[in-house]
Amino acid sequence: MNANGYRDYFKVLGVDRGADADTIKRAFRKLARQYHPDVNPGDQSAEARFKEVSEAYEVLSDPDKRRRYEQFGQYWSQAGAGGGVGGMDVDFGRYGNFDEFINDLLGRFGGAQGGGSGGFGFGSGFPGGGFAGSARGTGPNLDAEASIRLSLGEAFRGCERTLAVNEERVAVRIPAGVKPGSRLRLKGKGNLQPGTGRRGDLYLTIELQEHPVWKLDGDQLRGELPLSLDELALGGQVRVATPDGEASVQVPPGLTPGRSLRLKGKGWPLKGGRGDLLLTPVLKLPEPLSERERSLLEELRNARSADPRAGWVQLAQL
C-alpha cells in the first residue's frame, strides 16, 4: 500500500491491468492456496497477505467494482454511491475517469504549484542561475514547465546541470548555442498522477543572464568596440576581443559610431556552423586627458574645417 492508501489490486494478484475474469480467478486461487491461514497456522504475515489477495479479488472479480476502481483508484468505493474525500463532498458521477477527478481535486488545493500532490519540487543552489517551475494547466495533461537560467558562456559552449525534481536528481545536457526562449524536453520527468503511476514530461525554458559586453540578437552576437578618436578618424589594425579570444581587425578610416564591423564566423554557434560577430564602435576618450593630449585636441579644434552640426539645427526644429 502506498502512503496515500492506494492498493494496486492488479499487482496484488500479479496480473496485468487488461487481465480477463478467468486470469484473475486463476491468480486468486493460486495465491489463496499459498497464503490460506489453514496452510500457514500462526503466520500473521501470511494471514495479512491472504486478506489482501481476497480484497483484490473481491473488487476485480466484480465488473462494476472493477470499473469504478479503474476509473477512480483508491476512491472507487466512494464513487459507488457518492461520498467525501478529505472532508469535501464529491459527486463522482460528474467525472468520466480518474484523470478528470484527480485534476479537479488538485485544482481545489491550488493546483500542482508548491510541490503538492501531482506537482514537482525543485532544489536550489545550482551554479550560474536559479530554477523555478509550475504545473502547466489543470487538465489531464501531466506535462510541466520550468525555467533554467544560464550564463551567456554556458549557453555559448553548452553545459551540464543537475536538477532536483520530485526528490530525484536529474542530469540535463544543455547543447551549445541554445538561445533564450528555447525549450528542452525531459521525457518522463513531469508531474506524477496519483494512483496511476502516469508521468508527464518536463519542459525547460532557457533564460540567459545579461553579459557586460555581448548581446545575442537573433543569430548574431553583438558587442560594443571601444575606439580612440584617432582610431576612428585614421583607422588601422586594432586588437579586439571575441568569444574565442583576441583577433585582429582592420578599422577603416573615418569610421562613424553606429556603423558595425562584421567578423564572419566568429559569432553564435548555429546548426550550420557559426554566426557573425558584429562590433559597434564607440568613442572612448582617455580619463583624464594628459597635457599633450589636451594640447593636440585644442590644436585640432582650431584647425577643424567643418561644422559637425551643419544643417542639424534646422532639421531638429519642430
Protein backbone atom coordinates (compact mmCIF):
# COMPACT_ATOMS: atom_id res chain seq x y z
CA MET A 1 0.00 0.00 0.00
CA ASN A 2 1.21 3.49 -0.81
CA ALA A 3 1.38 6.25 1.77
CA ASN A 4 -1.85 7.68 0.32
CA GLY A 5 -3.75 4.43 0.99
CA TYR A 6 -3.85 3.21 -2.59
CA ARG A 7 -3.57 -0.55 -3.28
CA ASP A 8 -2.78 -1.72 -6.76
CA TYR A 9 -5.03 -4.78 -6.83
CA PHE A 10 -3.60 -5.90 -10.16
CA LYS A 11 -0.11 -6.05 -8.64
CA VAL A 12 -1.51 -7.78 -5.55
CA LEU A 13 -2.77 -10.61 -7.77
CA GLY A 14 0.23 -10.42 -10.10
CA VAL A 15 -1.80 -9.83 -13.26
CA ASP A 16 -1.81 -7.19 -15.99
CA ARG A 17 -4.37 -4.41 -15.97
CA GLY A 18 -6.01 -5.89 -19.02
CA ALA A 19 -6.39 -9.36 -17.46
CA ASP A 20 -9.75 -11.04 -18.09
CA ALA A 21 -12.00 -12.65 -15.45
CA ASP A 22 -10.56 -16.15 -15.89
CA THR A 23 -6.98 -14.94 -15.48
CA ILE A 24 -7.93 -13.06 -12.32
CA LYS A 25 -9.71 -16.10 -10.93
CA ARG A 26 -6.73 -18.40 -11.57
CA ALA A 27 -4.33 -15.95 -9.98
CA PHE A 28 -6.56 -15.64 -6.89
CA ARG A 29 -6.91 -19.40 -6.44
CA LYS A 30 -3.15 -19.87 -6.63
CA LEU A 31 -2.40 -17.14 -4.10
CA ALA A 32 -5.29 -18.10 -1.81
CA ARG A 33 -3.97 -21.66 -1.53
CA GLN A 34 -0.47 -20.32 -0.86
CA TYR A 35 -1.44 -17.89 1.92
CA HIS A 36 -4.53 -19.50 3.41
CA PRO A 37 -4.40 -19.47 7.27
CA ASP A 38 -5.02 -23.22 7.38
CA VAL A 39 -1.84 -23.76 5.37
CA ASN A 40 0.12 -21.20 7.44
CA PRO A 41 -1.11 -21.58 11.04
CA GLY A 42 0.07 -18.75 13.28
CA ASP A 43 1.74 -16.87 10.42
CA GLN A 44 0.37 -13.32 10.71
CA SER A 45 2.13 -12.07 7.57
CA ALA A 46 0.58 -14.87 5.52
CA GLU A 47 -2.83 -14.10 7.03
CA ALA A 48 -2.45 -10.42 6.12
CA ARG A 49 -1.42 -11.37 2.59
CA PHE A 50 -4.44 -13.67 2.29
CA LYS A 51 -6.75 -10.82 3.30
CA GLU A 52 -5.10 -8.52 0.77
CA VAL A 53 -5.46 -11.09 -2.01
CA SER A 54 -9.11 -11.68 -1.08
CA GLU A 55 -9.82 -7.94 -1.09
CA ALA A 56 -8.21 -7.57 -4.51
CA TYR A 57 -10.23 -10.47 -5.92
CA GLU A 58 -13.47 -9.13 -4.45
CA VAL A 59 -13.00 -5.88 -6.34
CA LEU A 60 -11.56 -7.14 -9.63
CA SER A 61 -13.96 -10.07 -9.99
CA ASP A 62 -16.98 -7.76 -9.81
CA PRO A 63 -17.38 -5.92 -13.15
CA ASP A 64 -18.99 -2.84 -11.59
CA LYS A 65 -16.44 -2.57 -8.76
CA ARG A 66 -13.57 -3.13 -11.18
CA ARG A 67 -14.86 -0.40 -13.50
CA ARG A 68 -15.07 2.12 -10.63
CA TYR A 69 -11.66 1.03 -9.30
CA GLU A 70 -10.03 1.54 -12.70
CA GLN A 71 -11.68 4.98 -13.02
CA PHE A 72 -11.16 6.35 -9.50
CA GLY A 73 -8.36 4.33 -7.92
CA GLN A 74 -8.38 4.48 -4.12
CA TYR A 75 -11.68 6.41 -4.18
CA TRP A 76 -13.58 3.67 -6.03
CA SER A 77 -15.80 2.80 -3.05
CA GLN A 78 -16.90 6.42 -2.59
CA ALA A 79 -17.61 6.61 -6.31
CA GLY A 80 -20.34 3.98 -5.98
CA ALA A 81 -22.90 5.99 -4.05
CA GLY A 82 -21.25 9.43 -3.77
CA GLY A 83 -19.04 10.37 -0.87
CA GLY A 84 -16.41 12.63 0.55
CA VAL A 85 -12.65 12.95 0.23
CA GLY A 86 -10.68 14.69 2.95
CA GLY A 87 -13.80 16.38 4.32
CA MET A 88 -15.03 17.53 0.89
CA ASP A 89 -18.29 16.49 -0.71
CA VAL A 90 -17.51 14.87 -4.05
CA ASP A 91 -20.01 14.00 -6.77
CA PHE A 92 -18.15 11.18 -8.51
CA GLY A 93 -20.86 10.81 -11.08
CA ARG A 94 -19.73 14.01 -12.81
CA TYR A 95 -16.32 12.54 -13.69
CA GLY A 96 -15.75 10.29 -16.66
CA ASN A 97 -12.41 8.92 -15.47
CA PHE A 98 -9.70 9.23 -12.83
CA ASP A 99 -7.84 11.92 -14.82
CA GLU A 100 -10.80 14.29 -14.61
CA PHE A 101 -11.35 13.61 -10.92
CA ILE A 102 -7.76 13.93 -9.69
CA ASN A 103 -7.10 17.11 -11.68
CA ASP A 104 -10.26 18.69 -10.30
CA LEU A 105 -9.12 17.65 -6.83
CA LEU A 106 -5.67 19.18 -7.41
CA GLY A 107 -7.38 22.36 -8.58
CA ARG A 108 -9.27 22.60 -5.26
CA PHE A 109 -5.96 22.52 -3.42
CA GLY A 110 -4.45 25.24 -5.61
CA GLY A 111 -3.09 23.08 -8.42
CA ALA A 112 0.31 21.46 -8.55
CA GLN A 113 2.28 24.52 -7.54
CA GLY A 114 4.26 24.40 -4.34
CA GLY A 115 5.10 20.71 -4.56
CA GLY A 116 1.57 19.44 -3.77
CA SER A 117 0.06 16.19 -4.98
CA GLY A 118 0.87 15.75 -8.61
CA GLY A 119 3.32 18.66 -8.57
CA PHE A 120 7.10 18.74 -8.55
CA GLY A 121 9.62 20.39 -6.28
CA PHE A 122 12.99 21.79 -7.29
CA GLY A 123 16.18 22.09 -5.35
CA SER A 124 18.23 25.27 -5.32
CA GLY A 125 21.87 26.21 -5.25
CA PHE A 126 22.71 25.35 -8.84
CA PRO A 127 25.71 27.27 -10.17
CA GLY A 128 25.09 30.02 -12.68
CA GLY A 129 21.41 30.62 -12.08
CA GLY A 130 18.17 29.64 -10.41
CA PHE A 131 15.47 27.16 -11.30
CA ALA A 132 11.74 27.56 -10.86
CA GLY A 133 8.76 25.52 -12.03
CA SER A 134 4.99 25.29 -12.16
CA ALA A 135 2.40 22.88 -13.47
CA ARG A 136 1.02 23.58 -16.94
CA GLY A 137 -2.76 23.72 -16.91
CA THR A 138 -5.36 21.95 -14.76
CA GLY A 139 -6.49 19.36 -17.30
CA PRO A 140 -5.35 15.76 -17.54
CA ASN A 141 -2.11 16.89 -19.21
CA LEU A 142 0.66 15.92 -16.78
CA ASP A 143 3.39 17.84 -18.63
CA ALA A 144 5.14 20.51 -16.59
CA GLU A 145 7.11 23.64 -17.39
CA ALA A 146 10.04 25.28 -15.65
CA SER A 147 12.76 27.80 -16.43
CA ILE A 148 16.51 27.42 -16.13
CA ARG A 149 18.82 30.44 -16.09
CA LEU A 150 22.23 30.19 -17.79
CA SER A 151 25.18 32.49 -18.18
CA LEU A 152 25.96 33.52 -21.75
CA GLY A 153 29.12 31.41 -21.63
CA GLU A 154 27.19 28.30 -20.57
CA ALA A 155 24.74 28.78 -23.43
CA PHE A 156 27.57 29.50 -25.91
CA ARG A 157 29.66 26.43 -25.03
CA GLY A 158 26.94 24.12 -23.72
CA CYS A 159 26.99 22.67 -20.24
CA GLU A 160 25.53 20.08 -17.89
CA ARG A 161 23.24 20.84 -14.98
CA THR A 162 21.90 18.59 -12.23
CA LEU A 163 18.39 19.47 -11.09
CA ALA A 164 16.31 18.18 -8.18
CA VAL A 165 12.87 17.09 -9.43
CA ASN A 166 10.50 15.26 -7.08
CA GLU A 167 13.42 14.33 -4.83
CA GLU A 168 15.16 12.88 -7.88
CA ARG A 169 18.49 14.13 -9.24
CA VAL A 170 18.15 14.70 -12.96
CA ALA A 171 21.16 15.41 -15.19
CA VAL A 172 20.42 17.82 -18.04
CA ARG A 173 22.70 18.34 -21.01
CA ILE A 174 22.43 21.88 -22.43
CA PRO A 175 23.57 21.92 -26.08
CA ALA A 176 25.99 24.58 -27.33
CA GLY A 177 24.31 27.56 -28.95
CA VAL A 178 21.00 27.31 -27.10
CA LYS A 179 19.02 30.56 -27.29
CA PRO A 180 16.74 32.32 -24.82
CA GLY A 181 13.19 31.06 -25.12
CA SER A 182 14.32 27.63 -26.34
CA ARG A 183 12.58 24.67 -24.69
CA LEU A 184 14.25 21.41 -23.75
CA ARG A 185 12.13 18.31 -23.18
CA LEU A 186 12.91 15.88 -20.37
CA LYS A 187 10.79 12.83 -21.12
CA GLY A 188 9.03 11.26 -18.14
CA LYS A 189 10.21 13.91 -15.63
CA GLY A 190 6.99 15.92 -15.31
CA ASN A 191 4.03 15.68 -12.93
CA LEU A 192 3.10 12.32 -11.42
CA GLN A 193 -0.57 11.35 -11.35
CA PRO A 194 -1.50 9.73 -8.02
CA GLY A 195 -2.97 6.29 -8.24
CA THR A 196 -1.97 5.54 -11.82
CA GLY A 197 1.82 5.92 -11.99
CA ARG A 198 1.46 8.05 -15.12
CA ARG A 199 4.01 10.82 -15.51
CA GLY A 200 4.26 13.64 -17.97
CA ASP A 201 7.27 15.36 -19.50
CA LEU A 202 9.17 18.34 -18.14
CA TYR A 203 9.83 21.26 -20.50
CA LEU A 204 12.68 23.62 -19.58
CA THR A 205 12.59 27.15 -20.97
CA ILE A 206 16.03 28.73 -21.35
CA GLU A 207 16.73 32.14 -19.85
CA LEU A 208 20.06 33.97 -20.25
CA GLN A 209 21.80 36.28 -17.83
CA GLU A 210 22.95 39.63 -19.17
CA HIS A 211 26.60 39.88 -20.21
CA PRO A 212 28.64 43.09 -19.76
CA VAL A 213 29.84 43.04 -23.39
CA TRP A 214 27.95 40.58 -25.58
CA LYS A 215 24.29 40.55 -26.54
CA LEU A 216 22.57 37.88 -28.65
CA ASP A 217 20.46 39.39 -31.46
CA GLY A 218 18.78 36.59 -33.42
CA ASP A 219 21.59 34.52 -34.93
CA GLN A 220 24.15 37.30 -34.47
CA LEU A 221 26.26 38.19 -31.47
CA ARG A 222 26.70 41.93 -30.90
CA GLY A 223 29.03 43.99 -28.75
CA GLU A 224 30.48 47.47 -28.46
CA LEU A 225 34.05 48.13 -29.57
CA PRO A 226 35.78 50.99 -27.70
CA LEU A 227 37.96 53.03 -30.07
CA SER A 228 40.05 56.16 -29.56
CA LEU A 229 39.46 59.33 -31.54
CA ASP A 230 42.49 58.74 -33.75
CA GLU A 231 41.46 55.13 -34.45
CA LEU A 232 38.01 56.27 -35.54
CA ALA A 233 39.43 59.05 -37.69
CA LEU A 234 42.54 57.42 -39.15
CA GLY A 235 41.68 53.70 -38.99
CA GLY A 236 44.25 50.92 -38.77
CA GLN A 237 44.73 47.46 -37.33
CA VAL A 238 43.33 47.03 -33.80
CA ARG A 239 43.17 44.05 -31.45
CA VAL A 240 39.63 43.13 -30.44
CA ALA A 241 38.04 40.56 -28.16
CA THR A 242 35.85 37.71 -29.44
CA PRO A 243 34.16 34.83 -27.55
CA ASP A 244 37.09 32.63 -28.68
CA GLY A 245 39.84 35.06 -27.68
CA GLU A 246 41.57 38.01 -29.30
CA ALA A 247 41.59 38.78 -33.02
CA SER A 248 42.97 41.49 -35.32
CA VAL A 249 40.52 43.76 -37.18
CA GLN A 250 41.12 46.43 -39.82
CA VAL A 251 39.26 49.62 -38.90
CA PRO A 252 38.56 51.74 -42.00
CA PRO A 253 39.43 55.48 -41.86
CA GLY A 254 36.59 57.79 -40.90
CA LEU A 255 34.55 55.07 -39.21
CA THR A 256 31.47 56.68 -37.71
CA PRO A 257 29.82 55.47 -34.49
CA GLY A 258 26.81 53.27 -35.23
CA ARG A 259 28.40 51.57 -38.22
CA SER A 260 29.29 48.00 -37.24
CA LEU A 261 32.27 45.87 -38.16
CA ARG A 262 31.34 42.32 -39.13
CA LEU A 263 33.53 39.33 -38.25
CA LYS A 264 32.17 36.37 -40.20
CA GLY A 265 32.02 33.02 -38.44
CA LYS A 266 33.06 34.47 -35.07
CA GLY A 267 29.59 34.70 -33.53
CA TRP A 268 26.98 32.39 -32.01
CA PRO A 269 27.09 28.61 -32.62
CA LEU A 270 24.43 27.57 -35.15
CA LYS A 271 23.42 24.25 -36.71
CA GLY A 272 25.36 25.04 -39.87
CA GLY A 273 28.44 26.47 -38.15
CA ARG A 274 28.87 29.88 -36.55
CA GLY A 275 27.01 33.14 -36.98
CA ASP A 276 28.67 36.53 -37.39
CA LEU A 277 30.06 38.81 -34.70
CA LEU A 278 29.07 42.48 -35.02
CA LEU A 279 31.22 45.10 -33.31
CA THR A 280 29.73 48.58 -32.94
CA PRO A 281 32.41 51.27 -32.42
CA VAL A 282 32.04 53.70 -29.54
CA LEU A 283 34.33 56.64 -28.85
CA LYS A 284 36.47 56.11 -25.76
CA LEU A 285 38.33 59.21 -24.59
CA PRO A 286 41.16 58.90 -22.07
CA GLU A 287 40.30 59.84 -18.50
CA PRO A 288 41.90 62.11 -17.57
CA LEU A 289 43.48 63.73 -20.63
CA SER A 290 47.22 64.22 -20.49
CA GLU A 291 48.59 67.68 -21.11
CA ARG A 292 49.91 66.56 -24.51
CA GLU A 293 46.53 65.07 -25.49
CA ARG A 294 44.67 68.20 -24.40
CA SER A 295 47.07 70.36 -26.39
CA LEU A 296 46.61 68.28 -29.54
CA LEU A 297 42.82 68.33 -29.20
CA GLU A 298 42.84 72.10 -28.84
CA GLU A 299 45.01 72.30 -31.95
CA LEU A 300 42.55 70.05 -33.77
CA ARG A 301 39.64 72.23 -32.71
CA ASN A 302 41.36 75.30 -34.03
CA ALA A 303 42.18 73.57 -37.31
CA ARG A 304 38.72 72.00 -37.85
CA SER A 305 37.32 72.96 -41.23
CA ALA A 306 33.72 71.80 -40.95
CA ASP A 307 30.84 72.33 -38.52
CA PRO A 308 29.67 68.87 -37.36
CA ARG A 309 26.16 70.28 -36.74
CA ALA A 310 25.71 71.99 -40.08
CA GLY A 311 22.08 71.62 -41.13
CA TRP A 312 21.25 69.69 -37.98
CA VAL A 313 19.82 72.69 -36.14
CA GLN A 314 17.27 73.35 -38.88
CA LEU A 315 16.30 69.67 -39.12
CA ALA A 316 15.86 69.40 -35.38
CA GLN A 317 13.24 72.16 -35.18
CA LEU A 318 9.63 71.05 -34.67
